[in-house]
Amino acid sequence: MSYQKLFSHYYIDPESNTANYTRILSLINELRIISKMQIKQFIATEKELAKSTYDKILLFLEEHYFIQRMLDYRYKKSIVYYITKDGIEFLGSNYTVLKNPYYNIEHCLKINDMLIEGLTCLGSHPYLNSIISERRLVFEMKDGKEAKESKGRVYKVPDFDFEFLSLQEEIDVVWHFEVELTLKSLTRYTQRILPYYLKILEDKYTKNDKIIYVVPTAAIQTKLMNLWAEMEHKQQKSYPNFVIVHFDNFATKLSELVQDLNQK
């Protein structure tokens, strides 16, 4: 159950004296912001480091200004970290420096929670090749474009992806995760959000790829399922690879969905 699948695109010499420092810094870099408790939970998926060790690493990274902690009254009981410009430069990362670490903080931390739960459930699956963060997905879209073409542009990407690959079993499947905290307006869902998902399911994704839309309440889940059913009725076609799931049923649903891969 490896949190290192989040930065499998980045080589870290396992024999280096700084390998654990680089791993934790890379984890923070991929996720933009992360609480100390979440770092502990990610590391626990490998059972590699003792608490005293990652406490020492976090203290070192903070003292050398590679990371900084956030002071926010909503999270005063939990330390929250973000990576600095110095930390990004130390890694040689192409990711952008955070302009406002407080922006959308609650959403970012909930994404981390879902990632941890997904890793706990599927991290040891033999076909799970990588986990792709939102920051990596944006980088993939921006890379190679002229600076003036990318400046100020908002890139529509999932909150994170799970990539399943197996050459032997001929599996090449991506699960795209969207984590929602609030119900948007009816107009926005019917005219923008759901039509967008419908289009990429038709034009971009394979029949085995999935969009997994994770929501916090039964009321939001019911509303979205009704709206999606109306769209399917208009299209006269069902889309079982668009999945709306409640936070509380997330792990259970992933265990059900992965059976499709296990049977290939």
Protein backbone atom coordinates (compact mmCIF):
# COMPACT_ATOMS: atom_id res chain seq x y z
CA MET A 1 0.00 0.00 0.00
CA SER A 2 2.50 2.55 -1.18
CA TYR A 3 2.07 6.31 -0.87
CA GLN A 4 5.13 6.50 -3.13
CA LYS A 5 2.88 5.69 -6.10
CA LEU A 6 1.96 9.40 -5.87
CA PHE A 7 5.42 10.41 -7.05
CA SER A 8 6.46 7.38 -9.09
CA HIS A 9 7.39 9.80 -11.89
CA TYR A 10 10.21 11.15 -9.68
CA TYR A 11 13.34 9.09 -8.95
CA ILE A 12 14.50 8.96 -5.35
CA ASP A 13 17.70 7.03 -4.67
CA PRO A 14 16.72 4.54 -1.94
CA GLU A 15 20.34 4.36 -0.76
CA SER A 16 20.62 8.11 -0.24
CA ASN A 17 20.91 9.44 3.30
CA THR A 18 18.22 11.97 2.44
CA ALA A 19 15.77 9.53 0.81
CA ASN A 20 13.15 9.76 3.57
CA TYR A 21 13.40 13.55 3.64
CA THR A 22 12.88 13.67 -0.11
CA ARG A 23 9.93 11.25 0.03
CA ILE A 24 8.05 13.30 2.60
CA LEU A 25 8.84 16.57 0.83
CA SER A 26 7.66 15.02 -2.46
CA LEU A 27 4.43 13.91 -0.78
CA ILE A 28 3.75 17.46 0.41
CA ASN A 29 4.64 18.81 -3.04
CA GLU A 30 2.17 16.51 -4.79
CA LEU A 31 -0.73 17.31 -2.50
CA ARG A 32 -0.18 21.08 -2.17
CA ILE A 33 -1.14 21.12 1.50
CA ILE A 34 -1.40 18.32 4.02
CA SER A 35 -1.95 17.92 7.75
CA LYS A 36 0.61 16.27 10.00
CA MET A 37 -1.93 13.56 10.81
CA GLN A 38 -2.41 12.83 7.10
CA ILE A 39 1.35 12.53 6.60
CA LYS A 40 1.36 9.95 9.38
CA GLN A 41 -1.51 8.07 7.71
CA PHE A 42 0.20 8.04 4.31
CA ILE A 43 3.44 6.77 5.82
CA ALA A 44 1.53 4.11 7.76
CA THR A 45 0.57 2.49 4.43
CA GLU A 46 4.19 1.29 4.22
CA LYS A 47 5.09 1.00 7.91
CA GLU A 48 8.59 2.26 7.11
CA LEU A 49 9.12 5.13 9.53
CA ALA A 50 8.69 5.44 13.26
CA LYS A 51 6.85 8.51 14.58
CA SER A 52 10.07 9.94 16.04
CA THR A 53 11.69 9.69 12.60
CA TYR A 54 9.06 11.57 10.61
CA ASP A 55 8.76 14.14 13.43
CA LYS A 56 12.48 14.75 13.04
CA ILE A 57 12.15 14.98 9.24
CA LEU A 58 9.29 17.47 9.40
CA LEU A 59 11.19 19.61 11.92
CA PHE A 60 14.25 19.63 9.64
CA LEU A 61 12.21 20.54 6.56
CA GLU A 62 10.48 23.35 8.44
CA GLU A 63 13.69 24.72 9.98
CA HIS A 64 15.28 24.85 6.52
CA TYR A 65 12.21 26.61 5.04
CA PHE A 66 11.39 23.76 2.64
CA ILE A 67 7.92 23.64 4.19
CA GLN A 68 5.87 25.99 6.33
CA ARG A 69 2.98 25.38 8.68
CA MET A 70 -0.35 27.12 8.36
CA LEU A 71 -2.17 28.87 11.16
CA ASP A 72 -5.90 28.48 10.67
CA TYR A 73 -8.49 28.60 13.43
CA ARG A 74 -10.46 25.75 11.80
CA TYR A 75 -7.51 23.38 12.13
CA LYS A 76 -5.88 24.62 15.34
CA LYS A 77 -5.80 21.06 16.68
CA SER A 78 -3.90 19.79 13.65
CA ILE A 79 -0.72 21.17 12.10
CA VAL A 80 -1.08 21.77 8.36
CA TYR A 81 1.97 22.07 6.08
CA TYR A 82 2.58 23.39 2.58
CA ILE A 83 5.70 23.37 0.41
CA THR A 84 7.66 26.59 -0.15
CA LYS A 85 9.55 27.91 -3.15
CA ASP A 86 12.79 26.63 -1.58
CA GLY A 87 11.26 23.18 -1.16
CA ILE A 88 10.12 23.05 -4.78
CA GLU A 89 13.54 24.19 -5.98
CA PHE A 90 15.28 21.60 -3.77
CA LEU A 91 13.28 18.86 -5.49
CA GLY A 92 13.88 20.37 -8.93
CA SER A 93 10.12 20.22 -9.39
CA ASN A 94 8.30 21.88 -12.28
CA TYR A 95 5.25 22.60 -10.13
CA THR A 96 4.19 26.15 -9.41
CA VAL A 97 4.68 27.87 -6.08
CA LEU A 98 1.48 28.26 -4.06
CA LYS A 99 0.20 31.83 -4.30
CA ASN A 100 -2.35 31.38 -1.52
CA PRO A 101 -1.95 28.22 0.60
CA TYR A 102 -5.25 28.97 2.36
CA TYR A 103 -7.24 28.77 -0.86
CA ASN A 104 -9.73 25.89 -0.83
CA ILE A 105 -7.97 24.37 2.17
CA GLU A 106 -10.94 22.27 3.32
CA HIS A 107 -11.35 20.72 -0.12
CA CYS A 108 -7.64 19.92 -0.36
CA LEU A 109 -7.60 18.20 3.01
CA LYS A 110 -10.71 16.16 2.15
CA ILE A 111 -9.05 15.05 -1.11
CA ASN A 112 -6.13 13.82 1.00
CA ASP A 113 -8.54 11.87 3.21
CA MET A 114 -10.07 10.17 0.16
CA LEU A 115 -6.61 9.38 -1.21
CA ILE A 116 -5.61 7.75 2.07
CA GLU A 117 -8.81 5.71 2.11
CA GLY A 118 -8.30 4.71 -1.52
CA LEU A 119 -4.70 3.68 -0.84
CA THR A 120 -5.71 1.66 2.20
CA CYS A 121 -8.29 -0.15 0.08
CA LEU A 122 -6.41 -0.61 -3.21
CA GLY A 123 -2.78 0.30 -2.57
CA SER A 124 -1.61 -3.31 -2.77
CA HIS A 125 -3.62 -4.15 -5.90
CA PRO A 126 -1.22 -5.75 -8.42
CA TYR A 127 -2.47 -3.61 -11.32
CA LEU A 128 -2.26 -0.24 -9.54
CA ASN A 129 0.62 1.40 -11.38
CA SER A 130 0.44 4.99 -10.16
CA ILE A 131 -1.65 7.61 -8.42
CA ILE A 132 -1.68 10.96 -10.18
CA SER A 133 -2.27 14.12 -8.17
CA GLU A 134 -4.13 17.18 -9.39
CA ARG A 135 -0.82 19.09 -9.50
CA ARG A 136 0.71 16.43 -11.73
CA LEU A 137 -2.35 16.37 -14.00
CA VAL A 138 -2.18 20.16 -14.44
CA PHE A 139 1.55 19.92 -15.17
CA GLU A 140 0.90 17.24 -17.80
CA MET A 141 -1.59 19.55 -19.54
CA LYS A 142 0.66 22.62 -19.35
CA ASP A 143 3.95 20.99 -20.30
CA GLY A 144 5.14 21.99 -23.74
CA LYS A 145 2.75 24.92 -24.07
CA GLU A 146 4.02 28.45 -24.53
CA ALA A 147 4.02 30.51 -21.33
CA LYS A 148 1.62 33.05 -22.81
CA GLU A 149 -0.75 30.24 -23.78
CA SER A 150 -0.85 28.87 -20.22
CA LYS A 151 -0.87 32.15 -18.29
CA GLY A 152 -4.11 32.67 -16.41
CA ARG A 153 -5.71 29.56 -17.86
CA VAL A 154 -7.75 27.28 -15.60
CA TYR A 155 -7.17 23.60 -16.37
CA LYS A 156 -10.07 21.23 -15.79
CA VAL A 157 -8.57 18.07 -14.32
CA PRO A 158 -9.76 15.49 -11.77
CA ASP A 159 -8.80 15.81 -8.12
CA PHE A 160 -6.69 12.66 -8.55
CA ASP A 161 -6.43 9.56 -10.76
CA PHE A 162 -5.75 5.89 -10.09
CA GLU A 163 -3.98 4.27 -13.05
CA PHE A 164 -4.22 0.50 -13.46
CA LEU A 165 -1.80 -1.10 -15.93
CA SER A 166 -0.88 -4.66 -16.84
CA LEU A 167 0.73 -5.55 -20.16
CA GLN A 168 0.22 -9.26 -19.54
CA GLU A 169 -3.50 -8.89 -18.81
CA GLU A 170 -3.93 -6.09 -21.39
CA ILE A 171 -5.27 -3.71 -18.77
CA ASP A 172 -4.99 0.05 -19.24
CA VAL A 173 -7.64 1.69 -17.08
CA VAL A 174 -7.87 5.03 -15.29
CA TRP A 175 -10.26 5.95 -12.50
CA HIS A 176 -10.81 9.69 -12.28
CA PHE A 177 -11.87 11.00 -8.87
CA GLU A 178 -13.79 14.19 -8.14
CA VAL A 179 -14.39 15.14 -4.51
CA GLU A 180 -17.34 17.47 -3.90
CA LEU A 181 -18.11 19.28 -0.64
CA THR A 182 -21.11 21.42 -1.59
CA LEU A 183 -24.01 21.23 -4.01
CA LYS A 184 -23.56 23.63 -6.92
CA SER A 185 -26.49 25.37 -8.59
CA LEU A 186 -28.92 23.37 -10.70
CA THR A 187 -28.01 25.48 -13.73
CA ARG A 188 -24.33 24.78 -13.31
CA TYR A 189 -24.90 21.03 -13.06
CA THR A 190 -27.33 20.76 -15.96
CA GLN A 191 -25.58 23.15 -18.34
CA ARG A 192 -21.90 22.74 -17.52
CA ILE A 193 -20.73 20.09 -15.09
CA LEU A 194 -22.73 16.99 -16.05
CA PRO A 195 -22.67 17.71 -19.82
CA TYR A 196 -18.88 17.99 -19.54
CA TYR A 197 -18.63 14.57 -17.91
CA LEU A 198 -21.00 13.13 -20.47
CA LYS A 199 -18.85 14.45 -23.30
CA ILE A 200 -15.57 13.06 -21.98
CA LEU A 201 -17.19 9.68 -21.30
CA GLU A 202 -18.30 9.63 -24.93
CA ASP A 203 -15.25 11.15 -26.62
CA LYS A 204 -12.21 10.66 -24.41
CA TYR A 205 -12.47 7.84 -21.90
CA THR A 206 -12.72 4.13 -22.65
CA LYS A 207 -15.67 2.04 -21.48
CA ASN A 208 -13.50 0.68 -18.66
CA ASP A 209 -12.37 4.09 -17.39
CA LYS A 210 -14.46 5.57 -14.60
CA ILE A 211 -15.41 8.93 -13.16
CA ILE A 212 -15.98 8.51 -9.44
CA TYR A 213 -17.82 11.51 -7.99
CA VAL A 214 -17.53 11.53 -4.21
CA VAL A 215 -20.05 13.55 -2.17
CA PRO A 216 -20.54 14.30 1.55
CA THR A 217 -24.28 13.83 2.10
CA ALA A 218 -27.10 11.53 1.08
CA ALA A 219 -29.11 14.57 -0.05
CA ILE A 220 -26.42 15.67 -2.52
CA GLN A 221 -25.96 12.10 -3.72
CA THR A 222 -29.69 11.68 -4.37
CA LYS A 223 -29.96 15.03 -6.18
CA LEU A 224 -27.02 14.30 -8.47
CA MET A 225 -28.17 10.76 -9.20
CA ASN A 226 -31.56 12.12 -10.25
CA LEU A 227 -29.98 14.75 -12.50
CA TRP A 228 -27.69 12.15 -14.08
CA ALA A 229 -30.63 9.78 -14.63
CA GLU A 230 -32.45 12.57 -16.48
CA MET A 231 -29.43 13.08 -18.73
CA GLU A 232 -29.20 9.36 -19.44
CA HIS A 233 -32.90 9.35 -20.32
CA LYS A 234 -32.39 12.19 -22.80
CA GLN A 235 -29.41 10.38 -24.32
CA GLN A 236 -31.29 7.06 -24.28
CA LYS A 237 -28.11 5.49 -23.02
CA SER A 238 -26.76 4.45 -19.62
CA TYR A 239 -23.28 5.29 -18.35
CA PRO A 240 -22.36 2.85 -15.58
CA ASN A 241 -18.80 4.20 -15.53
CA PHE A 242 -20.04 7.45 -13.96
CA VAL A 243 -20.30 6.59 -10.28
CA ILE A 244 -21.71 8.87 -7.57
CA VAL A 245 -20.74 7.68 -4.10
CA HIS A 246 -21.17 8.94 -0.53
CA PHE A 247 -18.04 9.61 1.56
CA ASP A 248 -19.09 6.92 4.04
CA ASN A 249 -19.40 4.24 1.33
CA PHE A 250 -16.22 5.15 -0.53
CA ALA A 251 -14.04 2.17 0.43
CA THR A 252 -16.92 -0.29 0.02
CA LYS A 253 -17.67 1.04 -3.46
CA LEU A 254 -14.02 0.85 -4.52
CA SER A 255 -13.89 -2.77 -3.39
CA GLU A 256 -16.94 -3.49 -5.55
CA LEU A 257 -15.64 -1.62 -8.61
CA VAL A 258 -12.23 -3.26 -8.54
CA GLN A 259 -13.87 -6.64 -9.14
CA ASP A 260 -14.19 -5.62 -12.80
CA LEU A 261 -10.40 -5.51 -12.98
CA ASN A 262 -9.92 -8.72 -11.04
CA GLN A 263 -12.11 -10.62 -13.52
CA LYS A 264 -10.18 -9.61 -16.62
